[in-house]
Amino acid sequence: MRFGIIFAFAVSLGGCLGSGAAKAHPHIFIDSGVEAIFDAQGQVTALRISWAYDDFYSLLAIEDRGLDPDGDSHLTAEEQASLTGFDMHWDADYDGDLYVLHKGAPVAMGRPVDVTARYEDGIITSSHLRTLVTPVRPGPEGVIVKIYDSGYYTAYTIASETVLTNALAGCAAQVYAPDLSEADEQLQAVLQEYQAGQSLEEDFPAVGANYADEVRITCPAR
């Protein structure tokens, strides 16, 4: 399991750093999906992002909202309406844990729109659309998409094939997994600097990017 080493190492520090260290990160696990939407000129104009929450978090979210009281994992139309958008109440400075690069520069995006949510087989899956402020043409150098929480409270994995909607012939998407051994080494090096009594839970290092999958979308030169 990808996060087993992190959990074991963080817990092992509990005796040295105090009880807070035993609360290992991450706490929420999300399987993500990416859909890149192209225009007729071969430019990416928007990204639809899906989040499938782990079963434990899904259960807590459903129970907190008083939904599915019979526990059959099926919501009524009214319950469904109340669930949709439950995870879209973002602070003004929240980036949605979505990072897009084109030619090495960050790509600005609008706030989430066209949100959905469903609850099936004990799992909540939501989606939202992020429109690029300025459309970009991937080209051979590509557009890079990453989904991660820098503080690593939430762990994202890109678990489905990237969808390229209306893409021109020859465009492709490839997912690159992180080097987990290197990421673990970097995390351990940082955690070794923690002092007795320092709260790992409250002051966890910003290592989320080291564990992030990367989607690279490329198209032929024009």
N, C-alpha and C. Protein backbone atom coordinates (compact mmCIF):
# COMPACT_ATOMS: atom_id res chain seq x y z
N MET A 1 0.85 -1.19 0.00
CA MET A 1 0.00 0.00 0.00
C MET A 1 0.87 1.23 0.00
N ARG A 2 0.54 2.24 -0.83
CA ARG A 2 1.42 3.38 -1.03
C ARG A 2 1.78 4.07 0.27
N PHE A 3 0.83 4.21 1.21
CA PHE A 3 1.06 5.07 2.35
C PHE A 3 1.43 4.30 3.61
N GLY A 4 1.67 2.99 3.48
CA GLY A 4 1.98 2.20 4.64
C GLY A 4 3.27 2.62 5.32
N ILE A 5 4.29 2.95 4.54
CA ILE A 5 5.58 3.34 5.11
C ILE A 5 5.44 4.63 5.89
N ILE A 6 4.68 5.58 5.34
CA ILE A 6 4.49 6.86 6.02
C ILE A 6 3.81 6.64 7.35
N PHE A 7 2.74 5.82 7.34
CA PHE A 7 1.99 5.58 8.56
C PHE A 7 2.88 4.94 9.62
N ALA A 8 3.63 3.90 9.23
CA ALA A 8 4.46 3.18 10.18
C ALA A 8 5.55 4.08 10.75
N PHE A 9 6.17 4.89 9.88
CA PHE A 9 7.26 5.74 10.35
C PHE A 9 6.75 6.82 11.29
N ALA A 10 5.63 7.44 10.92
CA ALA A 10 5.09 8.51 11.75
C ALA A 10 4.67 7.98 13.11
N VAL A 11 4.04 6.81 13.13
CA VAL A 11 3.63 6.24 14.40
C VAL A 11 4.85 5.89 15.25
N SER A 12 5.92 5.41 14.61
CA SER A 12 7.11 5.03 15.36
C SER A 12 7.75 6.22 16.06
N LEU A 13 7.50 7.43 15.55
CA LEU A 13 8.03 8.62 16.18
C LEU A 13 7.20 9.07 17.37
N GLY A 14 6.03 8.43 17.57
CA GLY A 14 5.13 8.87 18.62
C GLY A 14 5.78 8.89 19.99
N GLY A 15 6.59 7.86 20.30
CA GLY A 15 7.21 7.81 21.59
C GLY A 15 8.23 8.89 21.79
N CYS A 16 8.82 9.39 20.70
CA CYS A 16 9.85 10.42 20.80
C CYS A 16 9.28 11.82 20.77
N LEU A 17 8.22 12.00 20.01
CA LEU A 17 7.72 13.35 19.78
C LEU A 17 6.45 13.68 20.53
N GLY A 18 5.89 12.74 21.28
CA GLY A 18 4.66 13.00 22.01
C GLY A 18 3.47 12.37 21.32
N SER A 19 2.33 12.41 21.98
CA SER A 19 1.16 11.71 21.48
C SER A 19 0.68 12.24 20.14
N GLY A 20 0.91 13.51 19.85
CA GLY A 20 0.46 14.06 18.57
C GLY A 20 1.08 13.36 17.39
N ALA A 21 2.29 12.84 17.55
CA ALA A 21 2.98 12.22 16.43
C ALA A 21 2.34 10.91 16.02
N ALA A 22 1.59 10.29 16.94
CA ALA A 22 0.98 9.00 16.60
C ALA A 22 -0.16 9.15 15.62
N LYS A 23 -0.64 10.38 15.41
CA LYS A 23 -1.72 10.62 14.46
C LYS A 23 -1.11 10.79 13.08
N ALA A 24 -0.86 9.67 12.43
CA ALA A 24 -0.11 9.69 11.18
C ALA A 24 -0.91 10.31 10.05
N HIS A 25 -0.22 10.95 9.16
CA HIS A 25 -0.82 11.46 7.93
C HIS A 25 -0.64 10.40 6.84
N PRO A 26 -1.45 10.40 5.82
CA PRO A 26 -2.65 11.22 5.62
C PRO A 26 -3.85 10.65 6.38
N HIS A 27 -4.93 11.45 6.43
CA HIS A 27 -6.15 11.06 7.12
C HIS A 27 -7.27 10.70 6.14
N ILE A 28 -7.29 11.32 4.98
CA ILE A 28 -8.32 11.09 3.98
C ILE A 28 -7.64 10.60 2.70
N PHE A 29 -8.23 9.59 2.08
CA PHE A 29 -7.68 9.04 0.84
C PHE A 29 -8.70 9.22 -0.28
N ILE A 30 -8.23 9.77 -1.39
CA ILE A 30 -9.12 10.07 -2.51
C ILE A 30 -8.53 9.52 -3.80
N ASP A 31 -9.34 8.74 -4.51
CA ASP A 31 -9.00 8.33 -5.87
C ASP A 31 -9.52 9.39 -6.82
N SER A 32 -8.64 9.97 -7.61
CA SER A 32 -9.00 11.09 -8.47
C SER A 32 -9.03 10.69 -9.93
N GLY A 33 -9.79 11.45 -10.69
CA GLY A 33 -9.82 11.31 -12.14
C GLY A 33 -9.72 12.67 -12.79
N VAL A 34 -9.18 12.71 -14.00
CA VAL A 34 -8.98 13.96 -14.72
C VAL A 34 -9.58 13.83 -16.12
N GLU A 35 -10.37 14.81 -16.50
CA GLU A 35 -10.85 14.93 -17.87
C GLU A 35 -10.41 16.29 -18.41
N ALA A 36 -9.67 16.29 -19.50
CA ALA A 36 -9.25 17.54 -20.15
C ALA A 36 -10.20 17.80 -21.32
N ILE A 37 -10.75 19.01 -21.36
CA ILE A 37 -11.72 19.37 -22.38
C ILE A 37 -11.07 20.35 -23.36
N PHE A 38 -11.09 19.99 -24.64
CA PHE A 38 -10.44 20.77 -25.69
C PHE A 38 -11.47 21.56 -26.49
N ASP A 39 -11.00 22.66 -27.09
CA ASP A 39 -11.84 23.38 -28.05
C ASP A 39 -11.44 22.98 -29.47
N ALA A 40 -12.08 23.59 -30.47
CA ALA A 40 -11.84 23.21 -31.87
C ALA A 40 -10.44 23.57 -32.34
N GLN A 41 -9.76 24.46 -31.63
CA GLN A 41 -8.40 24.86 -31.99
C GLN A 41 -7.33 24.00 -31.33
N GLY A 42 -7.74 22.97 -30.62
CA GLY A 42 -6.78 22.08 -29.99
C GLY A 42 -6.25 22.60 -28.67
N GLN A 43 -6.97 23.51 -28.04
CA GLN A 43 -6.55 24.06 -26.76
C GLN A 43 -7.36 23.43 -25.62
N VAL A 44 -6.69 23.22 -24.51
CA VAL A 44 -7.39 22.78 -23.30
C VAL A 44 -8.07 23.99 -22.68
N THR A 45 -9.38 23.90 -22.53
CA THR A 45 -10.14 25.02 -21.99
C THR A 45 -10.61 24.79 -20.57
N ALA A 46 -10.69 23.53 -20.14
CA ALA A 46 -11.20 23.23 -18.80
C ALA A 46 -10.76 21.83 -18.38
N LEU A 47 -10.81 21.60 -17.09
CA LEU A 47 -10.53 20.29 -16.52
C LEU A 47 -11.68 19.89 -15.62
N ARG A 48 -12.19 18.68 -15.82
CA ARG A 48 -13.15 18.14 -14.86
C ARG A 48 -12.41 17.18 -13.96
N ILE A 49 -12.53 17.42 -12.66
CA ILE A 49 -11.82 16.64 -11.66
C ILE A 49 -12.83 15.84 -10.85
N SER A 50 -12.57 14.55 -10.68
CA SER A 50 -13.43 13.72 -9.85
C SER A 50 -12.66 13.28 -8.61
N TRP A 51 -13.39 13.19 -7.51
CA TRP A 51 -12.83 12.73 -6.24
C TRP A 51 -13.69 11.60 -5.69
N ALA A 52 -13.13 10.42 -5.55
CA ALA A 52 -13.82 9.30 -4.91
C ALA A 52 -13.21 9.09 -3.53
N TYR A 53 -13.98 9.41 -2.50
CA TYR A 53 -13.47 9.37 -1.13
C TYR A 53 -13.39 7.94 -0.59
N ASP A 54 -12.48 7.73 0.33
CA ASP A 54 -12.37 6.40 0.94
C ASP A 54 -13.65 6.09 1.71
N ASP A 55 -13.86 4.80 1.97
CA ASP A 55 -15.14 4.38 2.56
C ASP A 55 -15.36 4.93 3.96
N PHE A 56 -14.30 5.08 4.74
CA PHE A 56 -14.47 5.59 6.10
C PHE A 56 -14.90 7.06 6.08
N TYR A 57 -14.21 7.87 5.27
CA TYR A 57 -14.59 9.28 5.19
C TYR A 57 -15.99 9.40 4.61
N SER A 58 -16.31 8.59 3.60
CA SER A 58 -17.64 8.63 3.01
C SER A 58 -18.71 8.36 4.05
N LEU A 59 -18.47 7.35 4.88
CA LEU A 59 -19.43 7.01 5.93
C LEU A 59 -19.62 8.17 6.89
N LEU A 60 -18.51 8.78 7.32
CA LEU A 60 -18.60 9.90 8.25
C LEU A 60 -19.38 11.06 7.62
N ALA A 61 -19.09 11.37 6.36
CA ALA A 61 -19.76 12.48 5.69
C ALA A 61 -21.26 12.23 5.57
N ILE A 62 -21.63 11.00 5.26
CA ILE A 62 -23.05 10.66 5.14
C ILE A 62 -23.73 10.73 6.50
N GLU A 63 -23.10 10.17 7.52
CA GLU A 63 -23.70 10.18 8.85
C GLU A 63 -23.81 11.59 9.41
N ASP A 64 -22.78 12.41 9.20
CA ASP A 64 -22.81 13.78 9.70
C ASP A 64 -23.98 14.57 9.13
N ARG A 65 -24.40 14.21 7.91
CA ARG A 65 -25.50 14.92 7.26
C ARG A 65 -26.84 14.23 7.46
N GLY A 66 -26.84 13.16 8.23
CA GLY A 66 -28.08 12.45 8.50
C GLY A 66 -28.68 11.80 7.27
N LEU A 67 -27.84 11.42 6.31
CA LEU A 67 -28.32 10.80 5.07
C LEU A 67 -28.27 9.27 5.17
N ASP A 68 -29.00 8.61 4.30
CA ASP A 68 -29.02 7.16 4.20
C ASP A 68 -29.27 6.50 5.56
N PRO A 69 -30.34 6.86 6.26
CA PRO A 69 -30.58 6.30 7.59
C PRO A 69 -30.79 4.79 7.59
N ASP A 70 -31.23 4.21 6.47
CA ASP A 70 -31.43 2.76 6.43
C ASP A 70 -30.16 2.01 6.03
N GLY A 71 -29.09 2.75 5.69
CA GLY A 71 -27.80 2.13 5.43
C GLY A 71 -27.73 1.28 4.18
N ASP A 72 -28.58 1.58 3.18
CA ASP A 72 -28.56 0.76 1.97
C ASP A 72 -27.70 1.37 0.85
N SER A 73 -26.99 2.45 1.16
CA SER A 73 -26.09 3.14 0.21
C SER A 73 -26.85 3.73 -0.98
N HIS A 74 -28.15 3.93 -0.83
CA HIS A 74 -28.95 4.57 -1.87
C HIS A 74 -29.63 5.80 -1.28
N LEU A 75 -29.45 6.94 -1.93
CA LEU A 75 -30.03 8.18 -1.45
C LEU A 75 -31.31 8.50 -2.19
N THR A 76 -32.24 9.11 -1.47
CA THR A 76 -33.43 9.63 -2.13
C THR A 76 -33.04 10.85 -2.95
N ALA A 77 -33.96 11.31 -3.79
CA ALA A 77 -33.68 12.51 -4.59
C ALA A 77 -33.39 13.70 -3.69
N GLU A 78 -34.12 13.81 -2.60
CA GLU A 78 -33.90 14.92 -1.67
C GLU A 78 -32.54 14.81 -1.00
N GLU A 79 -32.17 13.59 -0.59
CA GLU A 79 -30.87 13.39 0.03
C GLU A 79 -29.75 13.67 -0.97
N GLN A 80 -29.94 13.23 -2.20
CA GLN A 80 -28.94 13.46 -3.24
C GLN A 80 -28.71 14.95 -3.44
N ALA A 81 -29.80 15.72 -3.47
CA ALA A 81 -29.68 17.16 -3.66
C ALA A 81 -28.91 17.81 -2.51
N SER A 82 -29.10 17.31 -1.30
CA SER A 82 -28.40 17.89 -0.15
C SER A 82 -26.93 17.51 -0.13
N LEU A 83 -26.58 16.38 -0.77
CA LEU A 83 -25.17 15.96 -0.81
C LEU A 83 -24.38 16.73 -1.87
N THR A 84 -25.02 17.02 -3.00
CA THR A 84 -24.31 17.67 -4.10
C THR A 84 -23.74 19.00 -3.66
N GLY A 85 -22.43 19.16 -3.87
CA GLY A 85 -21.74 20.39 -3.48
C GLY A 85 -21.26 20.41 -2.05
N PHE A 86 -21.37 19.28 -1.35
CA PHE A 86 -20.97 19.26 0.07
C PHE A 86 -19.50 19.61 0.26
N ASP A 87 -18.66 19.32 -0.74
CA ASP A 87 -17.22 19.55 -0.62
C ASP A 87 -16.75 20.75 -1.44
N MET A 88 -17.67 21.62 -1.81
CA MET A 88 -17.33 22.77 -2.64
C MET A 88 -17.38 24.10 -1.90
N HIS A 89 -17.46 24.06 -0.58
CA HIS A 89 -17.48 25.28 0.21
C HIS A 89 -16.04 25.71 0.50
N TRP A 90 -15.37 26.19 -0.51
CA TRP A 90 -13.95 26.48 -0.42
C TRP A 90 -13.69 27.87 0.13
N ASP A 91 -12.61 27.99 0.90
CA ASP A 91 -12.13 29.32 1.29
C ASP A 91 -11.65 30.06 0.04
N ALA A 92 -11.60 31.37 0.13
CA ALA A 92 -11.24 32.18 -1.04
C ALA A 92 -9.86 31.85 -1.57
N ASP A 93 -8.95 31.45 -0.68
CA ASP A 93 -7.57 31.20 -1.11
C ASP A 93 -7.28 29.71 -1.34
N TYR A 94 -8.30 28.87 -1.28
CA TYR A 94 -8.08 27.44 -1.49
C TYR A 94 -7.98 27.16 -2.99
N ASP A 95 -6.98 26.41 -3.40
CA ASP A 95 -6.71 26.15 -4.82
C ASP A 95 -7.33 24.86 -5.32
N GLY A 96 -8.09 24.17 -4.46
CA GLY A 96 -8.69 22.91 -4.88
C GLY A 96 -7.71 21.76 -4.98
N ASP A 97 -6.51 21.95 -4.43
CA ASP A 97 -5.46 20.93 -4.50
C ASP A 97 -5.14 20.54 -5.94
N LEU A 98 -5.38 21.46 -6.86
CA LEU A 98 -5.15 21.22 -8.29
C LEU A 98 -4.07 22.17 -8.80
N TYR A 99 -3.05 21.61 -9.45
CA TYR A 99 -1.94 22.41 -9.95
C TYR A 99 -1.70 22.04 -11.41
N VAL A 100 -1.72 23.05 -12.27
CA VAL A 100 -1.56 22.85 -13.70
C VAL A 100 -0.40 23.71 -14.18
N LEU A 101 0.49 23.11 -14.96
CA LEU A 101 1.65 23.81 -15.50
C LEU A 101 1.68 23.69 -17.01
N HIS A 102 2.06 24.78 -17.67
CA HIS A 102 2.26 24.76 -19.13
C HIS A 102 3.53 25.52 -19.42
N LYS A 103 4.49 24.87 -20.04
CA LYS A 103 5.80 25.46 -20.31
C LYS A 103 6.44 25.97 -19.03
N GLY A 104 6.24 25.25 -17.95
CA GLY A 104 6.86 25.57 -16.67
C GLY A 104 6.14 26.62 -15.86
N ALA A 105 5.09 27.22 -16.41
CA ALA A 105 4.38 28.29 -15.70
C ALA A 105 3.03 27.79 -15.20
N PRO A 106 2.60 28.24 -14.01
CA PRO A 106 1.30 27.82 -13.51
C PRO A 106 0.17 28.37 -14.37
N VAL A 107 -0.87 27.59 -14.52
CA VAL A 107 -2.04 27.98 -15.30
C VAL A 107 -3.16 28.36 -14.33
N ALA A 108 -3.68 29.57 -14.48
CA ALA A 108 -4.75 30.05 -13.60
C ALA A 108 -6.08 29.44 -14.01
N MET A 109 -6.90 29.17 -12.99
CA MET A 109 -8.21 28.55 -13.23
C MET A 109 -9.28 29.27 -12.43
N GLY A 110 -10.51 29.14 -12.91
CA GLY A 110 -11.64 29.71 -12.21
C GLY A 110 -12.07 28.83 -11.05
N ARG A 111 -13.09 29.29 -10.34
CA ARG A 111 -13.65 28.54 -9.23
C ARG A 111 -14.44 27.34 -9.76
N PRO A 112 -14.73 26.37 -8.92
CA PRO A 112 -15.42 25.17 -9.40
C PRO A 112 -16.87 25.46 -9.80
N VAL A 113 -17.29 24.86 -10.90
CA VAL A 113 -18.67 24.97 -11.37
C VAL A 113 -19.13 23.58 -11.80
N ASP A 114 -20.43 23.48 -12.12
CA ASP A 114 -21.00 22.24 -12.63
C ASP A 114 -20.64 21.06 -11.73
N VAL A 115 -20.97 21.18 -10.45
CA VAL A 115 -20.57 20.18 -9.46
C VAL A 115 -21.57 19.03 -9.43
N THR A 116 -21.06 17.85 -9.12
CA THR A 116 -21.90 16.66 -8.97
C THR A 116 -21.45 15.89 -7.73
N ALA A 117 -22.31 15.01 -7.25
CA ALA A 117 -21.93 14.09 -6.17
C ALA A 117 -22.89 12.91 -6.20
N ARG A 118 -22.37 11.74 -5.89
CA ARG A 118 -23.22 10.56 -5.78
C ARG A 118 -22.65 9.66 -4.67
N TYR A 119 -23.52 8.80 -4.16
CA TYR A 119 -23.13 7.87 -3.10
C TYR A 119 -23.56 6.48 -3.53
N GLU A 120 -22.58 5.64 -3.80
CA GLU A 120 -22.86 4.29 -4.27
C GLU A 120 -21.89 3.31 -3.62
N ASP A 121 -22.41 2.19 -3.17
CA ASP A 121 -21.58 1.13 -2.58
C ASP A 121 -20.69 1.66 -1.47
N GLY A 122 -21.21 2.60 -0.70
CA GLY A 122 -20.47 3.12 0.44
C GLY A 122 -19.42 4.16 0.11
N ILE A 123 -19.37 4.62 -1.13
CA ILE A 123 -18.35 5.57 -1.56
C ILE A 123 -19.02 6.84 -2.11
N ILE A 124 -18.56 8.00 -1.65
CA ILE A 124 -18.98 9.27 -2.23
C ILE A 124 -18.01 9.63 -3.35
N THR A 125 -18.55 9.94 -4.50
CA THR A 125 -17.76 10.44 -5.62
C THR A 125 -18.34 11.77 -6.05
N SER A 126 -17.49 12.79 -6.08
CA SER A 126 -17.93 14.11 -6.52
C SER A 126 -17.09 14.53 -7.72
N SER A 127 -17.59 15.52 -8.45
CA SER A 127 -16.81 16.09 -9.55
C SER A 127 -17.10 17.57 -9.66
N HIS A 128 -16.17 18.27 -10.27
CA HIS A 128 -16.35 19.70 -10.49
C HIS A 128 -15.53 20.11 -11.70
N LEU A 129 -15.91 21.21 -12.31
CA LEU A 129 -15.24 21.71 -13.51
C LEU A 129 -14.45 22.96 -13.16
N ARG A 130 -13.20 23.01 -13.64
CA ARG A 130 -12.35 24.19 -13.47
C ARG A 130 -12.01 24.71 -14.86
N THR A 131 -12.45 25.91 -15.17
CA THR A 131 -12.18 26.52 -16.47
C THR A 131 -10.85 27.26 -16.43
N LEU A 132 -10.01 27.02 -17.43
CA LEU A 132 -8.73 27.74 -17.50
C LEU A 132 -8.99 29.19 -17.87
N VAL A 133 -8.36 30.10 -17.16
CA VAL A 133 -8.54 31.52 -17.45
C VAL A 133 -8.11 31.82 -18.88
N THR A 134 -7.00 31.22 -19.31
CA THR A 134 -6.54 31.34 -20.69
C THR A 134 -6.30 29.93 -21.23
N PRO A 135 -7.01 29.52 -22.27
CA PRO A 135 -6.81 28.17 -22.83
C PRO A 135 -5.35 27.97 -23.25
N VAL A 136 -4.90 26.73 -23.16
CA VAL A 136 -3.51 26.42 -23.53
C VAL A 136 -3.50 25.25 -24.51
N ARG A 137 -2.55 25.29 -25.45
CA ARG A 137 -2.36 24.20 -26.39
C ARG A 137 -1.21 23.34 -25.88
N PRO A 138 -1.46 22.07 -25.57
CA PRO A 138 -0.42 21.25 -24.95
C PRO A 138 0.87 21.18 -25.75
N GLY A 139 0.80 20.81 -27.05
CA GLY A 139 2.01 20.65 -27.83
C GLY A 139 2.85 19.49 -27.31
N PRO A 140 4.01 19.26 -27.93
CA PRO A 140 4.87 18.14 -27.50
C PRO A 140 5.38 18.30 -26.07
N GLU A 141 5.52 19.56 -25.60
CA GLU A 141 6.04 19.78 -24.24
C GLU A 141 5.00 19.44 -23.19
N GLY A 142 3.75 19.49 -23.56
CA GLY A 142 2.68 19.01 -22.69
C GLY A 142 2.14 20.00 -21.68
N VAL A 143 1.01 19.64 -21.15
CA VAL A 143 0.40 20.29 -20.00
C VAL A 143 0.47 19.30 -18.84
N ILE A 144 0.93 19.76 -17.70
CA ILE A 144 1.11 18.89 -16.53
C ILE A 144 0.02 19.19 -15.52
N VAL A 145 -0.63 18.14 -15.04
CA VAL A 145 -1.69 18.26 -14.05
C VAL A 145 -1.31 17.44 -12.83
N LYS A 146 -1.35 18.08 -11.66
CA LYS A 146 -1.11 17.37 -10.41
C LYS A 146 -2.23 17.70 -9.42
N ILE A 147 -2.58 16.71 -8.61
CA ILE A 147 -3.58 16.89 -7.58
C ILE A 147 -2.95 16.45 -6.26
N TYR A 148 -2.77 17.40 -5.34
CA TYR A 148 -2.19 17.02 -4.06
C TYR A 148 -2.48 18.09 -3.00
N ASP A 149 -2.48 17.64 -1.77
CA ASP A 149 -2.59 18.51 -0.60
C ASP A 149 -1.18 18.68 -0.05
N SER A 150 -0.68 19.90 -0.09
CA SER A 150 0.71 20.12 0.31
C SER A 150 0.96 19.68 1.76
N GLY A 151 -0.02 19.87 2.62
CA GLY A 151 0.13 19.47 4.01
C GLY A 151 -0.12 18.00 4.25
N TYR A 152 -0.56 17.29 3.22
CA TYR A 152 -0.70 15.84 3.22
C TYR A 152 -1.72 15.31 4.22
N TYR A 153 -2.70 16.15 4.57
CA TYR A 153 -3.82 15.64 5.35
C TYR A 153 -4.65 14.71 4.48
N THR A 154 -4.76 15.09 3.20
CA THR A 154 -5.46 14.28 2.21
C THR A 154 -4.46 13.72 1.22
N ALA A 155 -4.58 12.43 0.93
CA ALA A 155 -3.72 11.77 -0.05
C ALA A 155 -4.53 11.46 -1.30
N TYR A 156 -4.08 11.96 -2.43
CA TYR A 156 -4.75 11.73 -3.70
C TYR A 156 -3.97 10.73 -4.54
N THR A 157 -4.70 9.87 -5.22
CA THR A 157 -4.12 8.97 -6.21
C THR A 157 -4.92 9.10 -7.50
N ILE A 158 -4.27 9.30 -8.62
CA ILE A 158 -4.97 9.33 -9.90
C ILE A 158 -5.20 7.87 -10.31
N ALA A 159 -6.45 7.45 -10.17
CA ALA A 159 -6.76 6.03 -10.23
C ALA A 159 -7.50 5.61 -11.48
N SER A 160 -7.74 6.53 -12.39
CA SER A 160 -8.45 6.17 -13.61
C SER A 160 -7.76 6.80 -14.81
N GLU A 161 -8.08 6.28 -15.98
CA GLU A 161 -7.47 6.79 -17.20
C GLU A 161 -7.94 8.22 -17.47
N THR A 162 -7.01 9.08 -17.84
CA THR A 162 -7.36 10.46 -18.15
C THR A 162 -8.18 10.52 -19.44
N VAL A 163 -9.26 11.29 -19.38
CA VAL A 163 -10.16 11.43 -20.53
C VAL A 163 -9.80 12.71 -21.28
N LEU A 164 -9.63 12.61 -22.59
CA LEU A 164 -9.36 13.76 -23.45
C LEU A 164 -10.57 13.98 -24.33
N THR A 165 -11.38 14.98 -23.99
CA THR A 165 -12.63 15.24 -24.69
C THR A 165 -12.42 16.25 -25.81
N ASN A 166 -12.78 15.86 -27.02
CA ASN A 166 -12.65 16.72 -28.22
C ASN A 166 -11.20 16.98 -28.59
N ALA A 167 -10.28 16.14 -28.12
CA ALA A 167 -8.86 16.34 -28.45
C ALA A 167 -8.61 16.02 -29.91
N LEU A 168 -7.60 16.68 -30.48
CA LEU A 168 -7.22 16.40 -31.85
C LEU A 168 -6.50 15.06 -31.93
N ALA A 169 -6.43 14.51 -33.12
CA ALA A 169 -5.73 13.24 -33.33
C ALA A 169 -4.28 13.35 -32.89
N GLY A 170 -3.81 12.34 -32.20
CA GLY A 170 -2.42 12.31 -31.77
C GLY A 170 -2.19 12.79 -30.35
N CYS A 171 -3.20 13.40 -29.73
CA CYS A 171 -3.04 13.82 -28.34
C CYS A 171 -3.11 12.59 -27.43
N ALA A 172 -2.38 12.65 -26.33
CA ALA A 172 -2.33 11.51 -25.41
C ALA A 172 -2.10 12.01 -23.99
N ALA A 173 -2.43 11.16 -23.04
CA ALA A 173 -2.20 11.48 -21.63
C ALA A 173 -1.49 10.31 -20.96
N GLN A 174 -0.50 10.63 -20.16
CA GLN A 174 0.27 9.61 -19.45
C GLN A 174 0.35 9.99 -17.98
N VAL A 175 0.12 9.01 -17.10
CA VAL A 175 0.23 9.24 -15.67
C VAL A 175 1.59 8.75 -15.20
N TYR A 176 2.28 9.59 -14.45
CA TYR A 176 3.59 9.24 -13.89
C TYR A 176 3.46 9.18 -12.37
N ALA A 177 3.85 8.06 -11.80
CA ALA A 177 3.81 7.89 -10.36
C ALA A 177 5.06 8.50 -9.73
N PRO A 178 4.96 8.95 -8.50
CA PRO A 178 6.13 9.51 -7.83
C PRO A 178 7.12 8.41 -7.43
N ASP A 179 8.34 8.82 -7.16
CA ASP A 179 9.34 7.91 -6.63
C ASP A 179 9.10 7.82 -5.12
N LEU A 180 8.40 6.78 -4.70
CA LEU A 180 7.99 6.69 -3.30
C LEU A 180 9.16 6.50 -2.35
N SER A 181 10.18 5.80 -2.80
CA SER A 181 11.36 5.61 -1.94
C SER A 181 12.02 6.96 -1.65
N GLU A 182 12.16 7.76 -2.68
CA GLU A 182 12.76 9.09 -2.49
C GLU A 182 11.86 9.97 -1.63
N ALA A 183 10.55 9.90 -1.87
CA ALA A 183 9.63 10.70 -1.07
C ALA A 183 9.68 10.31 0.40
N ASP A 184 9.74 8.99 0.66
CA ASP A 184 9.83 8.53 2.05
C ASP A 184 11.13 8.98 2.70
N GLU A 185 12.22 8.93 1.95
CA GLU A 185 13.51 9.37 2.50
C GLU A 185 13.47 10.84 2.86
N GLN A 186 12.88 11.65 1.99
CA GLN A 186 12.78 13.09 2.27
C GLN A 186 11.91 13.35 3.49
N LEU A 187 10.81 12.60 3.59
CA LEU A 187 9.94 12.77 4.75
C LEU A 187 10.65 12.38 6.04
N GLN A 188 11.33 11.25 6.01
CA GLN A 188 12.03 10.81 7.21
C GLN A 188 13.10 11.80 7.63
N ALA A 189 13.80 12.37 6.66
CA ALA A 189 14.84 13.35 6.98
C ALA A 189 14.24 14.57 7.67
N VAL A 190 13.09 15.00 7.22
CA VAL A 190 12.43 16.15 7.84
C VAL A 190 11.93 15.80 9.24
N LEU A 191 11.31 14.63 9.36
CA LEU A 191 10.74 14.24 10.65
C LEU A 191 11.81 14.02 11.71
N GLN A 192 13.01 13.64 11.29
CA GLN A 192 14.09 13.45 12.24
C GLN A 192 14.49 14.76 12.92
N GLU A 193 14.13 15.88 12.29
CA GLU A 193 14.46 17.19 12.84
C GLU A 193 13.48 17.63 13.93
N TYR A 194 12.35 16.90 14.05
CA TYR A 194 11.35 17.27 15.03
C TYR A 194 11.88 17.06 16.45
N GLN A 195 11.45 17.91 17.35
CA GLN A 195 11.90 17.86 18.73
C GLN A 195 10.83 17.20 19.60
N ALA A 196 11.28 16.71 20.77
CA ALA A 196 10.35 16.12 21.73
C ALA A 196 9.29 17.15 22.09
N GLY A 197 8.06 16.72 22.09
CA GLY A 197 6.95 17.61 22.42
C GLY A 197 6.39 18.37 21.25
N GLN A 198 7.06 18.34 20.10
CA GLN A 198 6.56 19.01 18.91
C GLN A 198 5.43 18.19 18.31
N SER A 199 4.35 18.85 17.94
CA SER A 199 3.17 18.15 17.45
C SER A 199 3.29 17.87 15.97
N LEU A 200 3.42 16.60 15.64
CA LEU A 200 3.46 16.21 14.23
C LEU A 200 2.12 16.47 13.56
N GLU A 201 1.05 16.33 14.33
CA GLU A 201 -0.29 16.54 13.78
C GLU A 201 -0.49 18.01 13.40
N GLU A 202 -0.05 18.92 14.24
CA GLU A 202 -0.28 20.34 14.00
C GLU A 202 0.77 20.96 13.08
N ASP A 203 1.91 20.33 12.96
CA ASP A 203 3.02 20.92 12.21
C ASP A 203 3.62 19.90 11.26
N PHE A 204 2.74 19.22 10.52
CA PHE A 204 3.23 18.20 9.60
C PHE A 204 3.91 18.89 8.41
N PRO A 205 5.05 18.36 7.94
CA PRO A 205 5.78 19.02 6.84
C PRO A 205 4.99 19.01 5.53
N ALA A 206 5.26 20.00 4.71
CA ALA A 206 4.56 20.14 3.41
C ALA A 206 5.21 19.23 2.39
N VAL A 207 4.85 17.94 2.47
CA VAL A 207 5.47 16.94 1.61
C VAL A 207 4.51 16.37 0.57
N GLY A 208 3.29 16.89 0.51
CA GLY A 208 2.30 16.32 -0.38
C GLY A 208 2.74 16.24 -1.83
N ALA A 209 3.45 17.26 -2.29
CA ALA A 209 3.88 17.28 -3.70
C ALA A 209 4.81 16.11 -4.01
N ASN A 210 5.58 15.66 -3.02
CA ASN A 210 6.51 14.56 -3.25
C ASN A 210 5.79 13.24 -3.52
N TYR A 211 4.55 13.14 -3.07
CA TYR A 211 3.78 11.91 -3.22
C TYR A 211 2.73 12.01 -4.31
N ALA A 212 2.80 13.06 -5.12
CA ALA A 212 1.74 13.33 -6.10
C ALA A 212 1.97 12.61 -7.42
N ASP A 213 0.89 11.99 -7.93
CA ASP A 213 0.90 11.52 -9.31
C ASP A 213 0.89 12.73 -10.24
N GLU A 214 1.36 12.50 -11.46
CA GLU A 214 1.40 13.57 -12.46
C GLU A 214 0.78 13.09 -13.75
N VAL A 215 -0.17 13.86 -14.27
CA VAL A 215 -0.72 13.59 -15.59
C VAL A 215 -0.04 14.54 -16.58
N ARG A 216 0.52 13.98 -17.64
CA ARG A 216 1.13 14.80 -18.68
C ARG A 216 0.35 14.62 -19.98
N ILE A 217 -0.26 15.71 -20.45
CA ILE A 217 -1.07 15.68 -21.67
C ILE A 217 -0.26 16.31 -22.80
N THR A 218 -0.04 15.56 -23.86
CA THR A 218 0.76 16.04 -24.99
C THR A 218 -0.05 15.94 -26.28
N CYS A 219 0.31 16.79 -27.22
CA CYS A 219 -0.30 16.78 -28.55
C CYS A 219 0.79 17.02 -29.58
N PRO A 220 0.57 16.61 -30.81
CA PRO A 220 1.57 16.85 -31.87
C PRO A 220 1.78 18.34 -32.08
N ALA A 221 2.98 18.68 -32.55
CA ALA A 221 3.28 20.08 -32.87
C ALA A 221 2.40 20.52 -34.04
N ARG A 222 2.08 21.80 -34.04
CA ARG A 222 1.25 22.35 -35.14
C ARG A 222 1.99 23.48 -35.82
